[in-house]
């Protein structure tokens, strides 16, 4: 899909700013931020990805492309920047920025139809890099109960995903379109997220952490038009188990395993676009407190 022809960059900036403001309001609940220590985490992870994507433009049919079998995308690399600070005696504010990379290469034996463009048989590359796939998270965590020596937390927040899926291939001479990308972020809305989080000390410096979060946006008006009203549905989920080792008062290292799922569906009279992505893998992180 394409943004409206008049001033698209300006409208995209306004939409992103609106999304960030909604995230902040959802996470803070209008609470003032006290002067408090911050914990900042930088993580890198390697995942084994799968799923599919389908992008239709007007009357041109759309090919359902499987990430593994059709596009040669088997892995997804991710970088995470996370930060949190206490809010009162039993609450925490958590913020996150995550970027992903989907690279792959395959040969197609028949024409591929993507976003109104016909790709001729031959090599087809997926070139969705870190700047093309970004997640923004904000959430308020609240202490629910103690579990033995550990603690169980619940969270409420929102997630905003900006995906600009990009490919590169040979466009057929008779193709009605000439664009091999789909900017899903144009129709994006913040997705409300719920979570449960366990923190359990195993030894003085060793801790087990388990997190599960889930979000769902049912069919809603995306507040955009593309050949008529665009309706949007989206699901996000993530599970993670980690072992964290505290080196000293400021530094903590962790290793973790994770599984994530992301599904987005956009429909209008002119377009019908859908993507489903799942990713499982391992990661390492370093946390610094100040």
Protein backbone atom coordinates (compact mmCIF):
# COMPACT_ATOMS: atom_id res chain seq x y z
CA UNK A 1 0.00 0.00 0.00
CA UNK A 2 1.06 3.57 -0.60
CA UNK A 3 0.46 6.59 1.64
CA UNK A 4 -1.87 9.29 0.28
CA UNK A 5 -0.22 11.37 -2.43
CA UNK A 6 -0.22 14.76 -0.68
CA UNK A 7 2.49 15.35 1.94
CA UNK A 8 2.98 11.62 2.85
CA UNK A 9 6.17 12.18 4.85
CA UNK A 10 4.51 14.84 7.01
CA UNK A 11 1.50 12.63 7.74
CA UNK A 12 3.73 9.63 8.54
CA UNK A 13 5.64 11.75 11.07
CA UNK A 14 2.40 12.88 12.70
CA UNK A 15 1.17 9.30 12.94
CA UNK A 16 4.40 8.08 14.54
CA UNK A 17 4.36 10.94 17.06
CA UNK A 18 0.72 10.10 17.89
CA UNK A 19 1.66 6.46 18.38
CA UNK A 20 4.51 7.35 20.74
CA UNK A 21 2.24 9.66 22.77
CA UNK A 22 -0.36 6.91 23.10
CA UNK A 23 2.32 4.49 24.29
CA UNK A 24 3.50 6.94 26.91
CA UNK A 25 0.01 7.66 28.20
CA UNK A 26 -0.84 3.95 28.34
CA UNK A 27 2.28 3.13 30.35
CA UNK A 28 2.40 6.05 32.73
CA UNK A 29 -1.26 6.43 33.49
CA UNK A 30 -0.52 10.16 34.02
CA UNK A 31 1.82 9.35 36.93
CA UNK A 32 4.68 11.77 37.62
CA UNK A 33 8.16 10.29 37.30
CA UNK A 34 10.03 10.44 40.62
CA UNK A 35 13.78 10.87 40.88
CA UNK A 36 14.92 7.23 40.85
CA UNK A 37 17.65 4.91 39.67
CA UNK A 38 17.47 3.53 36.13
CA UNK A 39 18.43 0.07 34.85
CA UNK A 40 19.44 -0.03 31.18
CA UNK A 41 19.84 -3.29 29.23
CA UNK A 42 21.43 -3.93 25.84
CA UNK A 43 20.72 -7.35 24.31
CA UNK A 44 21.52 -9.22 21.09
CA UNK A 45 19.62 -12.30 19.97
CA UNK A 46 19.60 -14.87 17.20
CA UNK A 47 16.31 -16.45 16.22
CA UNK A 48 15.07 -19.14 13.84
CA UNK A 49 12.20 -17.48 12.03
CA UNK A 50 9.23 -18.68 10.03
CA UNK A 51 5.85 -17.53 8.77
CA UNK A 52 4.48 -15.99 5.60
CA UNK A 53 3.51 -12.71 3.93
CA UNK A 54 0.88 -11.76 1.33
CA UNK A 55 0.41 -8.27 -0.17
CA UNK A 56 -2.39 -7.48 -2.64
CA UNK A 57 -2.77 -4.23 -4.58
CA UNK A 58 -6.04 -3.54 -6.44
CA UNK A 59 -7.05 -6.34 -8.84
CA UNK A 60 -3.56 -7.85 -9.12
CA UNK A 61 -3.53 -11.21 -7.25
CA UNK A 62 -1.13 -11.77 -4.38
CA UNK A 63 1.23 -14.70 -3.87
CA UNK A 64 1.38 -16.13 -0.35
CA UNK A 65 5.14 -16.23 0.26
CA UNK A 66 6.50 -18.51 2.98
CA UNK A 67 9.55 -17.01 4.66
CA UNK A 68 11.50 -20.28 4.79
CA UNK A 69 10.52 -22.20 1.66
CA UNK A 70 9.82 -19.35 -0.78
CA UNK A 71 12.11 -16.52 0.39
CA UNK A 72 15.00 -18.38 2.04
CA UNK A 73 14.57 -16.43 5.31
CA UNK A 74 15.55 -18.85 8.09
CA UNK A 75 16.98 -16.51 10.74
CA UNK A 76 16.17 -13.19 12.35
CA UNK A 77 18.72 -11.11 14.25
CA UNK A 78 17.50 -8.61 16.85
CA UNK A 79 18.96 -5.84 18.99
CA UNK A 80 17.18 -4.69 22.15
CA UNK A 81 17.53 -1.54 24.23
CA UNK A 82 15.47 -1.71 27.42
CA UNK A 83 15.19 0.61 30.41
CA UNK A 84 13.18 0.61 33.63
CA UNK A 85 12.86 2.66 36.79
CA UNK A 86 10.80 2.27 40.00
CA UNK A 87 7.47 4.06 40.31
CA UNK A 88 6.51 4.15 43.95
CA UNK A 89 6.87 1.24 46.34
CA UNK A 90 5.32 -1.49 44.14
CA UNK A 91 5.51 -0.23 40.58
CA UNK A 92 7.98 0.11 37.70
CA UNK A 93 8.04 1.92 34.37
CA UNK A 94 9.49 -0.17 31.52
CA UNK A 95 10.47 1.18 28.09
CA UNK A 96 11.85 -0.76 25.12
CA UNK A 97 13.23 -0.34 21.63
CA UNK A 98 13.80 -3.47 19.51
CA UNK A 99 15.05 -3.71 15.92
CA UNK A 100 15.04 -6.81 13.71
CA UNK A 101 16.71 -7.93 10.50
CA UNK A 102 15.22 -10.40 8.01
CA UNK A 103 17.61 -11.37 5.22
CA UNK A 104 17.26 -14.20 2.76
CA UNK A 105 17.75 -15.27 -0.83
CA UNK A 106 15.89 -17.77 -3.00
CA UNK A 107 15.19 -18.62 -6.64
CA UNK A 108 11.58 -18.62 -7.85
CA UNK A 109 10.53 -20.72 -10.83
CA UNK A 110 7.20 -19.01 -11.49
CA UNK A 111 6.12 -15.34 -11.41
CA UNK A 112 5.51 -13.85 -7.96
CA UNK A 113 2.79 -11.26 -7.36
CA UNK A 114 3.56 -8.78 -4.57
CA UNK A 115 1.95 -5.38 -3.96
CA UNK A 116 0.72 -5.05 -7.53
CA UNK A 117 4.14 -5.96 -8.94
CA UNK A 118 4.98 -9.06 -10.96
CA UNK A 119 8.42 -10.51 -10.18
CA UNK A 120 9.92 -12.55 -13.01
CA UNK A 121 11.35 -16.04 -12.29
CA UNK A 122 14.87 -15.85 -10.94
CA UNK A 123 16.55 -14.61 -7.79
CA UNK A 124 14.41 -12.98 -5.10
CA UNK A 125 16.09 -11.42 -2.04
CA UNK A 126 14.55 -10.29 1.23
CA UNK A 127 16.36 -7.14 2.41
CA UNK A 128 14.37 -6.04 5.48
CA UNK A 129 17.09 -4.54 7.70
CA UNK A 130 17.24 -3.14 11.23
CA UNK A 131 15.92 0.29 10.21
CA UNK A 132 12.92 -1.34 8.49
CA UNK A 133 11.53 -3.39 11.41
CA UNK A 134 11.26 -1.55 14.74
CA UNK A 135 9.19 -2.17 17.89
CA UNK A 136 8.50 0.40 20.60
CA UNK A 137 7.22 -0.78 23.98
CA UNK A 138 6.05 0.99 27.11
CA UNK A 139 4.47 -0.61 30.16
CA UNK A 140 3.66 -0.22 33.81
CA UNK A 141 4.63 -3.17 36.03
CA UNK A 142 2.97 -3.76 39.41
CA UNK A 143 4.00 -6.21 42.14
CA UNK A 144 1.21 -8.80 42.54
CA UNK A 145 2.47 -11.27 45.14
CA UNK A 146 5.51 -13.02 46.57
CA UNK A 147 6.33 -16.52 45.34
CA UNK A 148 8.62 -18.10 47.93
CA UNK A 149 11.78 -16.00 47.83
CA UNK A 150 10.71 -14.51 44.51
CA UNK A 151 8.05 -12.12 43.27
CA UNK A 152 5.33 -12.12 40.62
CA UNK A 153 4.56 -8.95 38.66
CA UNK A 154 1.78 -8.00 36.28
CA UNK A 155 2.13 -5.45 33.49
CA UNK A 156 -0.11 -3.27 31.34
CA UNK A 157 1.19 -1.31 28.38
CA UNK A 158 1.26 -0.96 24.61
CA UNK A 159 3.43 -1.93 21.64
CA UNK A 160 3.89 -0.05 18.36
CA UNK A 161 5.41 -2.00 15.44
CA UNK A 162 6.88 -0.27 12.39
CA UNK A 163 7.46 -2.87 9.65
CA UNK A 164 8.54 -1.89 6.13
CA UNK A 165 8.97 -5.29 4.44
CA UNK A 166 11.42 -5.03 1.52
CA UNK A 167 12.48 -7.41 -1.25
CA UNK A 168 14.67 -7.19 -4.34
CA UNK A 169 14.15 -9.06 -7.60
CA UNK A 170 13.70 -8.73 -11.36
CA UNK A 171 10.42 -6.99 -12.18
CA UNK A 172 8.62 -8.43 -15.21
CA UNK A 173 8.43 -6.20 -18.30
CA UNK A 174 4.60 -6.28 -18.31
CA UNK A 175 4.25 -5.68 -14.53
CA UNK A 176 1.52 -3.11 -13.67
CA UNK A 177 3.48 -2.08 -10.53
CA UNK A 178 7.15 -1.48 -9.80
CA UNK A 179 7.46 -1.58 -6.01
CA UNK A 180 8.81 -4.54 -4.01
CA UNK A 181 8.06 -3.34 -0.50
CA UNK A 182 5.07 -2.96 1.79
CA UNK A 183 4.95 -0.30 4.49
CA UNK A 184 2.74 -2.00 7.08
CA UNK A 185 3.55 0.81 9.54
CA UNK A 186 1.36 3.28 7.60
CA UNK A 187 -1.78 1.56 8.98
CA UNK A 188 -0.27 0.66 12.37
CA UNK A 189 -1.94 1.41 15.71
CA UNK A 190 -0.60 0.82 19.25
CA UNK A 191 -1.53 -2.67 20.50
CA UNK A 192 -2.50 -3.03 24.20
CA UNK A 193 -0.29 -5.56 25.99
CA UNK A 194 -0.75 -7.62 29.18
CA UNK A 195 2.06 -9.52 30.90
CA UNK A 196 3.17 -11.69 33.81
CA UNK A 197 6.76 -11.59 35.09
CA UNK A 198 8.47 -13.86 37.64
CA UNK A 199 11.72 -12.93 39.38
CA UNK A 200 13.13 -15.72 41.54
CA UNK A 201 16.57 -15.69 43.21
CA UNK A 202 18.42 -19.01 43.01
CA UNK A 203 21.55 -17.90 44.85
CA UNK A 204 22.87 -14.59 46.11
CA UNK A 205 24.00 -13.45 42.66
CA UNK A 206 21.96 -15.76 40.40
CA UNK A 207 18.33 -15.13 39.43
CA UNK A 208 15.72 -16.88 37.30
CA UNK A 209 13.49 -14.60 35.25
CA UNK A 210 10.40 -15.71 33.30
CA UNK A 211 8.24 -13.33 31.25
CA UNK A 212 5.12 -13.76 29.15
CA UNK A 213 3.23 -10.97 27.37
CA UNK A 214 0.30 -10.97 24.97
CA UNK A 215 -1.53 -8.29 23.03
CA UNK A 216 -4.48 -8.25 20.67
CA UNK A 217 -6.06 -5.60 18.49
CA UNK A 218 -9.36 -6.94 17.06
CA UNK A 219 -10.72 -5.70 13.77
CA UNK A 220 -10.81 -1.91 14.11
CA UNK A 221 -10.83 1.15 11.89
CA UNK A 222 -7.17 2.09 11.37
CA UNK A 223 -8.22 5.75 10.93
CA UNK A 224 -6.63 5.68 7.45
CA UNK A 225 -8.12 5.34 3.99
CA UNK A 226 -6.69 3.46 1.02
CA UNK A 227 -9.39 2.91 -1.57
CA UNK A 228 -11.88 3.21 1.28
CA UNK A 229 -11.72 2.48 4.99
CA UNK A 230 -8.75 0.34 6.09
CA UNK A 231 -9.51 -2.17 8.84
CA UNK A 232 -6.70 -3.59 10.96
CA UNK A 233 -6.21 -6.62 13.22
CA UNK A 234 -2.99 -7.51 15.03
CA UNK A 235 -1.64 -9.98 17.58
CA UNK A 236 1.67 -9.86 19.47
CA UNK A 237 3.03 -12.38 21.97
CA UNK A 238 6.36 -13.10 23.59
CA UNK A 239 7.71 -15.62 26.11
CA UNK A 240 11.20 -15.54 27.61
CA UNK A 241 13.16 -17.48 30.25
CA UNK A 242 16.50 -16.12 31.47
CA UNK A 243 19.29 -16.77 33.93
CA UNK A 244 20.84 -13.55 35.21
CA UNK A 245 24.11 -13.20 37.13
CA UNK A 246 24.89 -10.02 39.07
CA UNK A 247 28.57 -9.11 38.85
CA UNK A 248 28.44 -6.15 41.24
CA UNK A 249 26.19 -3.30 42.34
CA UNK A 250 25.96 -1.91 38.80
CA UNK A 251 26.40 -4.74 36.27
CA UNK A 252 24.32 -7.83 35.51
CA UNK A 253 24.75 -10.37 32.68
CA UNK A 254 22.05 -12.72 31.40
CA UNK A 255 21.43 -15.48 28.87
CA UNK A 256 17.92 -16.31 27.72
CA UNK A 257 15.70 -18.31 25.40
CA UNK A 258 12.64 -16.77 23.76
CA UNK A 259 9.68 -17.27 21.45
CA UNK A 260 7.73 -14.47 19.73
CA UNK A 261 4.77 -14.26 17.35
CA UNK A 262 3.55 -11.30 15.32
CA UNK A 263 0.53 -11.18 13.03
CA UNK A 264 -0.91 -8.17 11.22
CA UNK A 265 -3.82 -8.09 8.77
CA UNK A 266 -4.97 -5.02 6.81
CA UNK A 267 -8.01 -4.95 4.55
CA UNK A 268 -9.70 -2.35 2.38
CA UNK A 269 -11.55 -2.32 -0.91
CA UNK A 270 -8.24 -1.71 -2.69
CA UNK A 271 -5.77 -3.77 -0.65
CA UNK A 272 -5.48 -6.96 1.36
CA UNK A 273 -2.18 -7.37 3.20
CA UNK A 274 -1.21 -9.88 5.88
CA UNK A 275 1.98 -10.99 7.60
CA UNK A 276 2.60 -13.72 10.17
CA UNK A 277 6.01 -14.13 11.78
CA UNK A 278 7.22 -16.47 14.53
CA UNK A 279 10.71 -16.51 15.95
CA UNK A 280 12.45 -18.75 18.52
CA UNK A 281 16.04 -18.49 19.66
CA UNK A 282 18.56 -17.40 22.25
CA UNK A 283 20.09 -14.11 23.36
CA UNK A 284 22.59 -12.52 25.73
CA UNK A 285 22.29 -9.19 27.54
CA UNK A 286 24.19 -6.80 29.77
CA UNK A 287 22.40 -4.55 32.27
CA UNK A 288 23.81 -1.43 33.90
CA UNK A 289 22.24 0.42 36.82
CA UNK A 290 22.83 4.06 37.64
